[in-house]
């Protein structure tokens, strides 16, 4: 978590005992934060208050194509790059 008023950063979550790293982050049109981990080829949602991550699903194609970026279209379509 990053506090804009004090510029302080605090780790608020862990995945399997280690801090998660996300290769791509994107907000959906409904303000849901998604994260992509290309090393695990998985897509997660990230709670913006608690930092808790929840697995949405595995993305075998992400690992094959080397996806590291995410972007949402205004209609809610999610793209990887």
Protein backbone atom coordinates (compact mmCIF):
# COMPACT_ATOMS: atom_id res chain seq x y z
CA UNK A 1 0.00 0.00 0.00
CA UNK A 2 1.30 3.48 -0.80
CA UNK A 3 0.13 6.46 1.25
CA UNK A 4 0.08 9.52 -1.01
CA UNK A 5 -0.02 11.94 1.91
CA UNK A 6 3.14 10.64 3.59
CA UNK A 7 4.87 8.81 0.69
CA UNK A 8 5.15 5.75 2.92
CA UNK A 9 4.88 2.25 1.46
CA UNK A 10 3.65 -0.77 3.44
CA UNK A 11 3.42 -4.41 2.37
CA UNK A 12 -0.16 -5.51 3.01
CA UNK A 13 -0.36 -8.94 1.45
CA UNK A 14 1.56 -12.07 0.68
CA UNK A 15 0.94 -15.05 -1.56
CA UNK A 16 2.16 -18.38 -0.26
CA UNK A 17 4.53 -16.72 2.18
CA UNK A 18 6.23 -14.34 -0.25
CA UNK A 19 5.35 -10.89 -1.50
CA UNK A 20 3.53 -11.13 -4.83
CA UNK A 21 4.92 -9.41 -7.87
CA UNK A 22 2.58 -8.39 -10.63
CA UNK A 23 3.83 -7.89 -14.16
CA UNK A 24 0.76 -5.99 -15.28
CA UNK A 25 -1.90 -3.98 -13.45
CA UNK A 26 -5.14 -2.53 -14.80
CA UNK A 27 -8.36 -1.07 -13.44
CA UNK A 28 -11.59 -2.32 -14.95
CA UNK A 29 -14.28 0.20 -15.94
CA UNK A 30 -16.00 -0.76 -12.66
CA UNK A 31 -12.84 0.17 -10.65
CA UNK A 32 -11.71 -3.39 -9.91
CA UNK A 33 -7.92 -3.74 -9.86
CA UNK A 34 -6.51 -6.72 -11.75
CA UNK A 35 -2.96 -8.04 -11.72
CA UNK A 36 -1.13 -10.38 -14.08
CA UNK A 37 1.69 -12.68 -12.97
CA UNK A 38 3.39 -13.94 -16.08
CA UNK A 39 5.67 -16.30 -14.14
CA UNK A 40 2.62 -18.18 -12.84
CA UNK A 41 0.49 -17.35 -15.91
CA UNK A 42 -2.34 -16.23 -13.65
CA UNK A 43 -4.80 -13.35 -13.39
CA UNK A 44 -5.79 -11.94 -10.00
CA UNK A 45 -8.06 -9.31 -8.52
CA UNK A 46 -6.45 -7.08 -5.90
CA UNK A 47 -8.47 -5.55 -3.08
CA UNK A 48 -7.55 -1.86 -3.06
CA UNK A 49 -8.07 -1.51 0.69
CA UNK A 50 -6.57 -4.69 2.15
CA UNK A 51 -4.20 -5.71 -0.65
CA UNK A 52 -5.62 -9.24 -0.60
CA UNK A 53 -5.23 -10.96 -3.96
CA UNK A 54 -7.71 -13.49 -5.33
CA UNK A 55 -6.99 -15.84 -8.20
CA UNK A 56 -9.36 -15.33 -11.14
CA UNK A 57 -7.84 -18.06 -13.24
CA UNK A 58 -4.80 -19.49 -14.93
CA UNK A 59 -3.74 -18.06 -18.28
CA UNK A 60 -1.54 -20.57 -20.04
CA UNK A 61 -1.48 -18.26 -23.06
CA UNK A 62 0.13 -15.53 -20.93
CA UNK A 63 3.20 -17.66 -20.37
CA UNK A 64 3.37 -18.83 -23.99
CA UNK A 65 3.10 -15.30 -25.39
CA UNK A 66 5.13 -13.64 -22.63
CA UNK A 67 2.35 -11.24 -21.64
CA UNK A 68 3.39 -8.65 -19.06
CA UNK A 69 0.84 -5.87 -19.52
CA UNK A 70 -2.91 -5.45 -19.07
CA UNK A 71 -5.36 -2.87 -20.35
CA UNK A 72 -9.14 -2.58 -20.24
CA UNK A 73 -11.31 -1.20 -23.00
CA UNK A 74 -14.22 1.03 -21.91
CA UNK A 75 -16.68 -1.84 -22.62
CA UNK A 76 -14.87 -4.03 -20.06
CA UNK A 77 -12.83 -6.13 -22.50
CA UNK A 78 -9.44 -7.03 -21.03
CA UNK A 79 -6.36 -7.25 -23.25
CA UNK A 80 -2.86 -8.48 -22.53
CA UNK A 81 0.34 -7.33 -24.17
